[in-house]
Amino acid sequence: MANLVGTMTDFLYNNILVFVLIAVGLYFTVRLKGVQLLRLGDAVRVLKERPDNKKSISSLQMLFLTVGAKVGAGNIVGVASALCLGGRGAVFWMWVMAILGGAVTFVETTLGQIYKRKSDDKDGTCYGGPAFYMQDCLNLRWLGVIYSVFLFLIYAVGFNMVCSYNMVDSFSYYAGGRAELFSTAIPYVIAAAVAVIVGICVLGGGRRLAKINSVLAPAMSVIFLLVSLIVVVFNISSLPIMFGGIFRDAFDFQAIFGGFTGSCLMMGIKRSVYSNEAGTGSAPNAASSVECSHPVKQGLVQILSVFIDTLVICTATAMLCLFSGIEPTAEIAGIGYVQAAAGSVLGQAGYYLLTISIALFCFTSMIGNLSYCSSAWKFIFKNHMPGWMDTGYRLFGAVIIFLGAVAQADLVWNTADFALACMCVVNLPIIVILSGKVTAAYKDYCRQKKEGKDPVFKASEIGIEGTDFWN
């Protein structure tokens, strides 16, 4: 099964996704005149705004929620594996894809805000995502259903199994290796405890998730960045050598095209998509629940989530590994490489700090992942999903977390990559088709900013009718 899924994943990335992702990212960057770079100041200012409805999630809380969901095994284990299997040049291509992905995320999130729906609850909350703009704009409900199924498979199954697997694997060092660790009951105890805690959190709903992540997301990021910074300071003289190796390998086209599947280019793209999820349509599923005065505002905030995820956290992992002086090889690919890198400078404390970091990263990622699935179910069941079924899928997600701890690594990673590729293949053509609406909304935002106003969106002014909001 692992070989079959791996073959399908390689086909999608090698023949379709690598070209589509780059082309779409460049297209949006040019059409929107570098919005992901020129409007970063606006994005930061939006974070200070508070919703009028006290029951709504603020932009800052949503940023923490989306970063908490994105930052996980992909940012630590995924980057370490990319270095070991694809080489140092993978870091450069992750940077490139993050910058291009910022424009893609802006478009899909703005679309999600424009076409978000009012909840049937009386609390005034809202929801949305790619499935809704597929249905409302293009009358393609069947495509929205397919997308929703892929979304559920990646978040409730693929991502959470990867997180659970790597959380448990981070304890292998203390037992003398993974084989020795799994000869005991420790992995099952850890997996069961985490599954129960995540289950309790997700049963509390979106607002509880936002509150949990608003505390844990900054904490885990600070811990990990601190460890990385210490390693960099101890090895600062190696800075020119490190960047020289990254750029040299990134443009070694003979090596890239000689083994395209495992090249730094391919590994960089895969791990970038896995870590920041730009183009998959994941951000709109959560960000559509935010109350704001203009859809573009939330699109700008989600640019920050992509940059924090890849340009900050993933780069910190790369520096931690490369500055350590430990040569990346296929034999040490994974969490073991990162732990050894931290341990080379901080000794035993480095292993402890990395274990704490990966535990926090994976925990917040798992509860954020399950929150994303809510919009998929609401779309499939037309917002009339029975309460028992909603509870059932959340408990199912907790069970999957337990099973992920003992799953085969290749199958778990390949399944996650394949589901992500499928989401991109469905979502990217749609946002290109609908990009004219986003361009019009962005021009409306820029016009109001130029006039010194706090932008307020009215859909009819740019020719959009039939929305639940913005009337």
Protein backbone atom coordinates (compact mmCIF):
# COMPACT_ATOMS: atom_id res chain seq x y z
CA MET A 1 0.00 0.00 0.00
CA ALA A 2 2.84 2.38 0.85
CA ASN A 3 4.45 1.71 -2.55
CA LEU A 4 1.16 2.21 -4.40
CA VAL A 5 0.37 5.51 -2.68
CA GLY A 6 3.98 6.61 -3.15
CA THR A 7 3.80 5.93 -6.89
CA MET A 8 0.57 7.93 -7.26
CA THR A 9 2.03 10.78 -5.22
CA ASP A 10 5.18 10.92 -7.35
CA PHE A 11 3.08 10.99 -10.52
CA LEU A 12 0.98 13.93 -9.31
CA TYR A 13 3.94 16.00 -8.13
CA ASN A 14 6.35 15.19 -10.97
CA ASN A 15 3.90 15.63 -13.84
CA ILE A 16 1.30 18.13 -12.63
CA LEU A 17 1.66 19.86 -9.31
CA VAL A 18 5.22 21.18 -9.50
CA PHE A 19 4.39 23.12 -12.66
CA VAL A 20 0.90 24.24 -11.62
CA LEU A 21 2.00 25.53 -8.20
CA ILE A 22 4.81 27.64 -9.63
CA ALA A 23 2.70 28.95 -12.52
CA VAL A 24 -0.28 29.90 -10.35
CA GLY A 25 1.94 31.51 -7.71
CA LEU A 26 3.71 33.64 -10.34
CA TYR A 27 0.40 34.55 -11.98
CA PHE A 28 -1.17 35.84 -8.77
CA THR A 29 2.04 37.62 -7.72
CA VAL A 30 2.11 39.54 -10.99
CA ARG A 31 -1.63 40.18 -11.23
CA LEU A 32 -1.87 41.46 -7.65
CA LYS A 33 1.43 43.38 -7.90
CA GLY A 34 3.24 41.54 -5.14
CA VAL A 35 0.45 41.84 -2.55
CA GLN A 36 2.15 39.24 -0.32
CA LEU A 37 5.13 41.56 0.18
CA LEU A 38 3.78 45.09 -0.27
CA ARG A 39 0.84 44.76 2.14
CA LEU A 40 2.53 43.06 5.10
CA GLY A 41 2.16 46.25 7.16
CA ASP A 42 -1.60 46.21 6.59
CA ALA A 43 -1.72 42.56 7.65
CA VAL A 44 -0.07 43.35 10.98
CA ARG A 45 -2.47 46.25 11.60
CA VAL A 46 -5.50 44.03 10.98
CA LEU A 47 -4.39 41.83 13.88
CA LYS A 48 -5.19 44.68 16.28
CA GLU A 49 -8.85 44.79 15.23
CA ARG A 50 -11.51 43.16 17.39
CA PRO A 51 -14.84 41.78 16.11
CA ASP A 52 -18.08 43.52 17.12
CA ASN A 53 -19.60 40.16 18.01
CA LYS A 54 -17.87 38.96 21.19
CA LYS A 55 -18.65 35.35 20.24
CA SER A 56 -16.70 35.66 16.98
CA ILE A 57 -13.04 34.67 16.64
CA SER A 58 -10.67 37.60 16.13
CA SER A 59 -8.09 37.83 13.35
CA LEU A 60 -5.30 37.38 15.90
CA GLN A 61 -6.89 34.27 17.37
CA MET A 62 -7.42 32.88 13.87
CA LEU A 63 -3.78 33.54 13.00
CA PHE A 64 -2.75 31.54 16.04
CA LEU A 65 -5.22 28.80 15.14
CA THR A 66 -4.05 28.50 11.52
CA VAL A 67 -0.37 28.72 12.46
CA GLY A 68 -0.96 26.17 15.21
CA ALA A 69 -2.62 23.84 12.70
CA LYS A 70 0.07 24.32 10.06
CA VAL A 71 3.11 24.22 12.32
CA GLY A 72 3.75 20.64 13.22
CA ALA A 73 5.69 17.63 12.08
CA GLY A 74 6.21 19.14 8.62
CA ASN A 75 8.15 22.09 9.99
CA ILE A 76 10.56 19.97 12.01
CA VAL A 77 10.60 16.38 10.80
CA GLY A 78 9.60 17.31 7.23
CA VAL A 79 12.38 19.88 6.86
CA ALA A 80 14.96 17.53 8.40
CA SER A 81 13.89 14.76 6.01
CA ALA A 82 14.04 17.17 3.04
CA LEU A 83 17.64 18.06 3.96
CA CYS A 84 18.61 14.42 4.35
CA LEU A 85 16.88 13.14 1.21
CA GLY A 86 16.95 16.17 -1.13
CA GLY A 87 19.97 18.12 0.05
CA ARG A 88 20.56 21.65 1.32
CA GLY A 89 19.04 23.24 -1.79
CA ALA A 90 15.58 22.13 -0.64
CA VAL A 91 15.60 25.05 1.81
CA PHE A 92 15.88 27.59 -1.02
CA TRP A 93 12.96 26.10 -2.93
CA MET A 94 10.88 26.10 0.25
CA TRP A 95 11.55 29.85 0.52
CA VAL A 96 10.54 30.41 -3.11
CA MET A 97 7.34 28.41 -2.75
CA ALA A 98 6.45 30.23 0.49
CA ILE A 99 6.70 33.64 -1.21
CA LEU A 100 4.63 32.48 -4.18
CA GLY A 101 2.28 30.66 -1.82
CA GLY A 102 1.57 33.89 0.04
CA ALA A 103 -0.21 35.25 -3.05
CA VAL A 104 -2.11 31.99 -3.56
CA THR A 105 -3.27 31.94 0.06
CA PHE A 106 -4.38 35.56 -0.21
CA VAL A 107 -6.63 34.72 -3.18
CA GLU A 108 -8.23 31.59 -1.73
CA THR A 109 -8.79 33.17 1.71
CA THR A 110 -10.36 36.31 0.25
CA LEU A 111 -12.69 34.14 -1.85
CA GLY A 112 -13.61 32.15 1.24
CA GLN A 113 -14.51 35.39 3.08
CA ILE A 114 -16.60 36.72 0.20
CA TYR A 115 -18.70 33.57 -0.02
CA LYS A 116 -18.85 32.59 3.66
CA ARG A 117 -22.18 31.49 5.12
CA LYS A 118 -24.15 32.49 8.20
CA SER A 119 -24.44 29.77 10.78
CA ASP A 120 -27.91 28.52 11.74
CA ASP A 121 -26.99 29.26 15.35
CA LYS A 122 -28.23 32.54 16.82
CA ASP A 123 -24.72 33.59 17.88
CA GLY A 124 -24.01 35.26 14.52
CA THR A 125 -21.02 33.10 13.65
CA CYS A 126 -20.08 32.12 10.09
CA TYR A 127 -18.27 29.43 8.13
CA GLY A 128 -17.04 28.73 4.60
CA GLY A 129 -14.27 27.37 2.41
CA PRO A 130 -13.41 26.30 -1.14
CA ALA A 131 -16.35 23.92 -1.41
CA PHE A 132 -18.74 26.84 -0.98
CA TYR A 133 -17.21 29.05 -3.67
CA MET A 134 -17.11 26.04 -5.99
CA GLN A 135 -20.84 25.63 -5.47
CA ASP A 136 -21.99 29.26 -5.27
CA CYS A 137 -19.88 30.69 -8.10
CA LEU A 138 -19.65 27.82 -10.55
CA ASN A 139 -22.60 25.62 -9.55
CA LEU A 140 -20.24 22.68 -9.03
CA ARG A 141 -21.55 21.17 -5.81
CA TRP A 142 -20.31 17.71 -6.80
CA LEU A 143 -16.76 19.08 -7.02
CA GLY A 144 -17.20 20.69 -3.63
CA VAL A 145 -18.19 17.33 -2.17
CA ILE A 146 -15.10 15.67 -3.64
CA TYR A 147 -12.93 18.45 -2.25
CA SER A 148 -14.55 18.10 1.18
CA VAL A 149 -13.82 14.38 1.24
CA PHE A 150 -10.15 15.03 0.44
CA LEU A 151 -10.06 17.71 3.14
CA PHE A 152 -11.44 15.30 5.73
CA LEU A 153 -8.97 12.58 4.73
CA ILE A 154 -5.95 14.85 5.00
CA TYR A 155 -6.83 16.60 8.25
CA ALA A 156 -8.63 13.94 10.24
CA VAL A 157 -6.45 11.08 8.99
CA GLY A 158 -3.22 11.97 7.14
CA PHE A 159 -1.92 14.95 9.12
CA ASN A 160 -2.94 13.65 12.52
CA MET A 161 -1.38 10.25 11.93
CA VAL A 162 1.87 11.94 10.91
CA CYS A 163 1.78 14.13 14.03
CA SER A 164 1.06 11.21 16.33
CA TYR A 165 3.76 9.08 14.74
CA ASN A 166 6.43 11.76 15.10
CA MET A 167 5.38 12.77 18.60
CA VAL A 168 5.94 9.22 19.80
CA ASP A 169 9.07 8.84 17.68
CA SER A 170 10.63 11.81 19.49
CA PHE A 171 10.88 9.59 22.58
CA SER A 172 12.90 6.91 20.75
CA TYR A 173 16.19 8.50 21.78
CA TYR A 174 15.51 7.88 25.46
CA ALA A 175 14.76 4.21 24.86
CA GLY A 176 17.84 3.59 22.69
CA GLY A 177 15.96 3.56 19.37
CA ARG A 178 12.47 3.09 17.88
CA ALA A 179 12.61 -0.70 17.98
CA GLU A 180 13.49 -0.65 21.66
CA LEU A 181 10.81 1.94 22.41
CA PHE A 182 8.10 -0.14 20.76
CA SER A 183 9.12 -3.22 22.68
CA THR A 184 7.49 -1.49 25.66
CA ALA A 185 4.00 -0.15 26.32
CA ILE A 186 5.23 3.48 26.42
CA PRO A 187 4.17 4.43 22.85
CA TYR A 188 0.64 3.18 23.46
CA VAL A 189 0.37 5.04 26.76
CA ILE A 190 1.58 8.28 25.14
CA ALA A 191 -0.73 7.87 22.14
CA ALA A 192 -3.74 7.07 24.33
CA ALA A 193 -3.12 10.08 26.59
CA VAL A 194 -2.76 12.46 23.66
CA ALA A 195 -5.86 11.06 21.93
CA VAL A 196 -7.95 11.59 25.06
CA ILE A 197 -6.69 15.16 25.62
CA VAL A 198 -7.24 16.12 21.96
CA GLY A 199 -10.71 14.56 22.07
CA ILE A 200 -11.66 16.68 25.08
CA CYS A 201 -10.37 19.83 23.36
CA VAL A 202 -12.14 19.32 20.03
CA LEU A 203 -15.44 18.49 21.69
CA GLY A 204 -15.32 22.02 23.11
CA GLY A 205 -15.72 23.58 19.66
CA GLY A 206 -14.00 26.34 17.68
CA ARG A 207 -13.77 29.00 20.37
CA ARG A 208 -12.08 26.65 22.83
CA LEU A 209 -9.64 25.60 20.10
CA ALA A 210 -8.81 29.23 19.39
CA LYS A 211 -8.17 29.93 23.08
CA ILE A 212 -5.95 26.87 23.47
CA ASN A 213 -3.89 27.71 20.40
CA SER A 214 -3.64 31.40 21.34
CA VAL A 215 -1.55 30.23 24.31
CA LEU A 216 0.26 27.17 22.98
CA ALA A 217 1.14 28.41 19.47
CA PRO A 218 3.32 31.32 20.66
CA ALA A 219 4.82 29.21 23.45
CA MET A 220 5.92 26.38 21.20
CA SER A 221 7.28 28.76 18.58
CA VAL A 222 9.34 30.69 21.14
CA ILE A 223 10.80 27.49 22.60
CA PHE A 224 11.80 26.13 19.23
CA LEU A 225 13.13 29.42 17.90
CA LEU A 226 15.15 29.89 21.08
CA VAL A 227 16.81 26.51 20.68
CA SER A 228 17.57 27.28 17.04
CA LEU A 229 18.97 30.72 17.89
CA ILE A 230 21.31 29.24 20.51
CA VAL A 231 22.65 26.75 17.97
CA VAL A 232 23.15 29.52 15.39
CA VAL A 233 25.01 31.74 17.89
CA PHE A 234 27.36 28.92 18.82
CA ASN A 235 28.14 28.33 15.13
CA ILE A 236 27.83 31.84 13.66
CA SER A 237 31.17 31.55 11.85
CA SER A 238 29.62 28.89 9.62
CA LEU A 239 26.94 31.27 8.27
CA PRO A 240 28.59 31.95 4.86
CA ILE A 241 29.29 28.26 4.36
CA MET A 242 25.69 27.33 5.18
CA PHE A 243 24.11 29.81 2.76
CA GLY A 244 26.71 28.96 0.13
CA GLY A 245 25.73 25.30 0.35
CA ILE A 246 22.02 26.10 0.13
CA PHE A 247 22.33 28.24 -3.02
CA ARG A 248 24.91 25.97 -4.66
CA ASP A 249 22.72 22.87 -4.27
CA ALA A 250 19.55 24.76 -5.22
CA PHE A 251 20.94 25.58 -8.67
CA ASP A 252 22.68 22.29 -9.35
CA PHE A 253 20.32 21.52 -12.23
CA GLN A 254 22.27 18.47 -13.34
CA ALA A 255 21.58 16.83 -9.99
CA ILE A 256 17.98 18.08 -9.94
CA PHE A 257 16.99 16.70 -13.31
CA GLY A 258 19.14 13.62 -12.90
CA GLY A 259 16.91 12.44 -10.07
CA PHE A 260 13.85 14.67 -10.20
CA THR A 261 11.65 12.73 -7.77
CA GLY A 262 14.14 12.94 -4.90
CA SER A 263 15.77 16.23 -5.90
CA CYS A 264 16.07 19.32 -3.73
CA LEU A 265 13.50 21.06 -5.97
CA MET A 266 10.89 18.35 -5.51
CA MET A 267 11.56 17.87 -1.79
CA GLY A 268 11.42 21.63 -1.26
CA ILE A 269 8.05 21.91 -3.02
CA LYS A 270 6.59 18.89 -1.23
CA ARG A 271 7.63 20.03 2.22
CA SER A 272 6.57 23.62 1.51
CA VAL A 273 3.07 22.52 0.50
CA TYR A 274 2.94 20.18 3.48
CA SER A 275 4.02 22.84 5.97
CA ASN A 276 2.17 25.99 4.81
CA GLU A 277 -0.62 24.34 2.76
CA ALA A 278 -0.81 27.25 0.30
CA GLY A 279 -3.01 26.27 -2.63
CA THR A 280 -4.78 23.45 -0.82
CA GLY A 281 -7.64 25.69 0.27
CA SER A 282 -7.15 24.87 3.94
CA ALA A 283 -6.84 28.45 5.18
CA PRO A 284 -10.31 29.59 3.97
CA ASN A 285 -11.97 26.76 5.87
CA ALA A 286 -10.88 28.28 9.17
CA ALA A 287 -10.47 31.95 8.21
CA SER A 288 -14.03 32.20 6.86
CA SER A 289 -15.28 32.13 10.48
CA VAL A 290 -13.60 35.47 11.25
CA GLU A 291 -15.70 38.65 11.38
CA CYS A 292 -14.05 41.56 9.55
CA SER A 293 -15.10 44.66 7.59
CA HIS A 294 -13.50 43.61 4.30
CA PRO A 295 -12.64 40.14 2.88
CA VAL A 296 -9.18 41.34 1.83
CA LYS A 297 -8.24 41.90 5.47
CA GLN A 298 -8.40 38.22 6.29
CA GLY A 299 -6.58 37.37 3.07
CA LEU A 300 -3.70 39.58 4.23
CA VAL A 301 -3.64 37.94 7.68
CA GLN A 302 -3.29 34.50 6.15
CA ILE A 303 -0.24 35.66 4.20
CA LEU A 304 1.39 36.08 7.60
CA SER A 305 0.54 32.50 8.53
CA VAL A 306 2.36 31.19 5.44
CA PHE A 307 5.44 33.33 6.09
CA ILE A 308 5.60 32.48 9.80
CA ASP A 309 5.23 28.82 9.01
CA THR A 310 7.87 28.50 6.29
CA LEU A 311 10.15 31.55 6.28
CA VAL A 312 10.48 31.54 10.09
CA ILE A 313 9.79 28.09 11.58
CA CYS A 314 11.07 25.95 8.68
CA THR A 315 14.15 28.15 8.29
CA ALA A 316 14.80 27.80 12.02
CA THR A 317 14.75 24.01 11.63
CA ALA A 318 17.13 24.18 8.67
CA MET A 319 19.55 26.42 10.56
CA LEU A 320 19.38 24.22 13.64
CA CYS A 321 20.31 21.19 11.54
CA LEU A 322 22.88 22.72 9.19
CA PHE A 323 24.69 24.78 11.82
CA SER A 324 25.17 21.71 14.00
CA GLY A 325 27.86 20.34 11.70
CA ILE A 326 26.12 16.97 11.48
CA GLU A 327 26.01 15.83 7.86
CA PRO A 328 22.46 15.16 6.60
CA THR A 329 22.18 11.60 5.34
CA ALA A 330 19.28 9.31 4.49
CA GLU A 331 20.09 7.11 7.50
CA ILE A 332 19.26 9.87 10.04
CA ALA A 333 16.32 11.45 8.20
CA GLY A 334 13.56 12.54 10.57
CA ILE A 335 13.25 13.72 14.13
CA GLY A 336 16.50 11.99 15.08
CA TYR A 337 18.48 14.43 12.91
CA VAL A 338 16.95 17.47 14.61
CA GLN A 339 17.46 16.06 18.10
CA ALA A 340 21.07 15.21 17.34
CA ALA A 341 21.62 18.73 15.98
CA ALA A 342 20.29 20.32 19.17
CA GLY A 343 22.18 17.84 21.32
CA SER A 344 25.46 18.64 19.57
CA VAL A 345 25.39 22.13 21.10
CA LEU A 346 23.15 21.89 24.17
CA GLY A 347 23.95 18.35 25.22
CA GLN A 348 21.19 16.35 26.88
CA ALA A 349 19.11 19.52 27.33
CA GLY A 350 18.86 19.80 23.54
CA TYR A 351 17.09 16.46 23.31
CA TYR A 352 14.67 17.43 26.08
CA LEU A 353 13.84 20.80 24.51
CA LEU A 354 13.25 19.25 21.09
CA THR A 355 10.96 16.61 22.56
CA ILE A 356 8.92 19.34 24.29
CA SER A 357 8.81 21.41 21.08
CA ILE A 358 7.67 18.57 18.84
CA ALA A 359 5.04 17.57 21.40
CA LEU A 360 3.60 21.10 21.49
CA PHE A 361 3.85 21.53 17.71
CA CYS A 362 2.05 18.26 17.03
CA PHE A 363 -0.58 18.75 19.74
CA THR A 364 -1.72 22.17 18.51
CA SER A 365 -1.56 20.92 14.94
CA MET A 366 -3.84 17.97 15.72
CA ILE A 367 -6.58 20.00 17.38
CA GLY A 368 -6.40 22.61 14.62
CA ASN A 369 -6.64 19.88 11.97
CA LEU A 370 -9.87 18.53 13.41
CA SER A 371 -11.40 22.02 13.54
CA TYR A 372 -10.84 22.35 9.77
CA CYS A 373 -13.05 19.33 9.13
CA SER A 374 -16.16 21.09 10.45
CA SER A 375 -16.65 23.14 7.27
CA ALA A 376 -16.31 19.99 5.15
CA TRP A 377 -19.09 18.27 7.05
CA LYS A 378 -21.28 21.36 7.00
CA PHE A 379 -20.98 21.48 3.22
CA ILE A 380 -21.64 17.78 2.63
CA PHE A 381 -24.68 17.75 4.94
CA LYS A 382 -25.87 21.25 3.96
CA ASN A 383 -25.31 22.50 7.50
CA HIS A 384 -27.70 19.92 8.92
CA MET A 385 -25.23 17.37 10.20
CA PRO A 386 -26.74 15.41 13.13
CA GLY A 387 -25.17 16.21 16.47
CA TRP A 388 -24.28 12.58 17.13
CA MET A 389 -22.41 12.40 13.82
CA ASP A 390 -20.47 15.59 14.57
CA THR A 391 -19.42 14.13 17.91
CA GLY A 392 -18.65 10.83 16.23
CA TYR A 393 -16.21 12.30 13.70
CA ARG A 394 -14.39 14.17 16.46
CA LEU A 395 -14.03 10.96 18.45
CA PHE A 396 -12.96 9.18 15.25
CA GLY A 397 -10.23 11.78 14.89
CA ALA A 398 -9.02 10.98 18.39
CA VAL A 399 -8.90 7.26 17.56
CA ILE A 400 -6.88 7.98 14.40
CA ILE A 401 -4.37 9.87 16.54
CA PHE A 402 -3.87 6.73 18.60
CA LEU A 403 -3.49 4.51 15.51
CA GLY A 404 -1.03 6.91 13.88
CA ALA A 405 1.54 6.21 16.59
CA VAL A 406 1.98 2.64 15.37
CA ALA A 407 1.45 3.15 11.61
CA GLN A 408 4.13 2.65 8.98
CA ALA A 409 6.02 5.89 8.36
CA ASP A 410 6.15 5.66 4.54
CA LEU A 411 2.43 5.01 4.26
CA VAL A 412 1.56 7.89 6.58
CA TRP A 413 3.75 10.47 4.81
CA ASN A 414 2.78 9.33 1.31
CA THR A 415 -0.92 9.40 2.17
CA ALA A 416 -0.64 12.95 3.48
CA ASP A 417 1.30 14.12 0.40
CA PHE A 418 -1.18 12.43 -1.95
CA ALA A 419 -4.26 13.96 -0.29
CA LEU A 420 -2.61 17.41 -0.32
CA ALA A 421 -1.84 17.04 -4.01
CA CYS A 422 -5.46 16.09 -4.73
CA MET A 423 -6.73 19.16 -2.83
CA CYS A 424 -4.41 21.40 -4.85
CA VAL A 425 -5.44 19.84 -8.16
CA VAL A 426 -9.09 20.54 -7.36
CA ASN A 427 -8.67 23.99 -5.77
CA LEU A 428 -6.02 25.75 -7.88
CA PRO A 429 -7.90 25.81 -11.22
CA ILE A 430 -11.01 27.13 -9.44
CA ILE A 431 -9.25 30.06 -7.77
CA VAL A 432 -7.63 30.98 -11.09
CA ILE A 433 -11.08 31.04 -12.72
CA LEU A 434 -12.49 33.17 -9.88
CA SER A 435 -9.43 35.40 -9.43
CA GLY A 436 -11.17 38.32 -11.16
CA LYS A 437 -13.47 38.68 -8.14
CA VAL A 438 -10.50 38.82 -5.80
CA THR A 439 -8.75 41.37 -7.99
CA ALA A 440 -11.86 43.58 -7.91
CA ALA A 441 -12.12 43.23 -4.12
CA TYR A 442 -8.43 44.08 -3.72
CA LYS A 443 -8.77 47.19 -5.89
CA ASP A 444 -11.77 48.24 -3.79
CA TYR A 445 -9.67 47.78 -0.62
CA CYS A 446 -6.74 49.77 -2.03
CA ARG A 447 -9.04 52.58 -3.18
CA GLN A 448 -10.55 52.97 0.28
CA LYS A 449 -7.13 52.84 1.95
CA LYS A 450 -5.89 55.55 -0.39
CA GLU A 451 -8.88 57.70 0.63
CA GLY A 452 -7.87 57.29 4.28
CA LYS A 453 -10.81 55.04 5.17
CA ASP A 454 -11.03 51.82 7.12
CA PRO A 455 -12.12 49.61 4.18
CA VAL A 456 -15.69 48.32 4.32
CA PHE A 457 -16.82 45.86 1.65
CA LYS A 458 -20.11 45.93 -0.23
CA ALA A 459 -20.35 43.07 -2.69
CA SER A 460 -22.74 44.82 -5.06
CA GLU A 461 -20.20 47.58 -5.72
CA ILE A 462 -17.94 45.13 -7.54
CA GLY A 463 -20.78 43.21 -9.21
CA ILE A 464 -21.13 40.30 -6.79
CA GLU A 465 -24.67 39.29 -5.80
CA GLY A 466 -26.28 36.64 -3.62
CA THR A 467 -23.82 36.51 -0.71
CA ASP A 468 -24.87 35.88 2.90
CA PHE A 469 -22.72 38.79 4.02
CA TRP A 470 -21.46 42.08 2.53
CA ASN A 471 -24.89 43.36 1.52
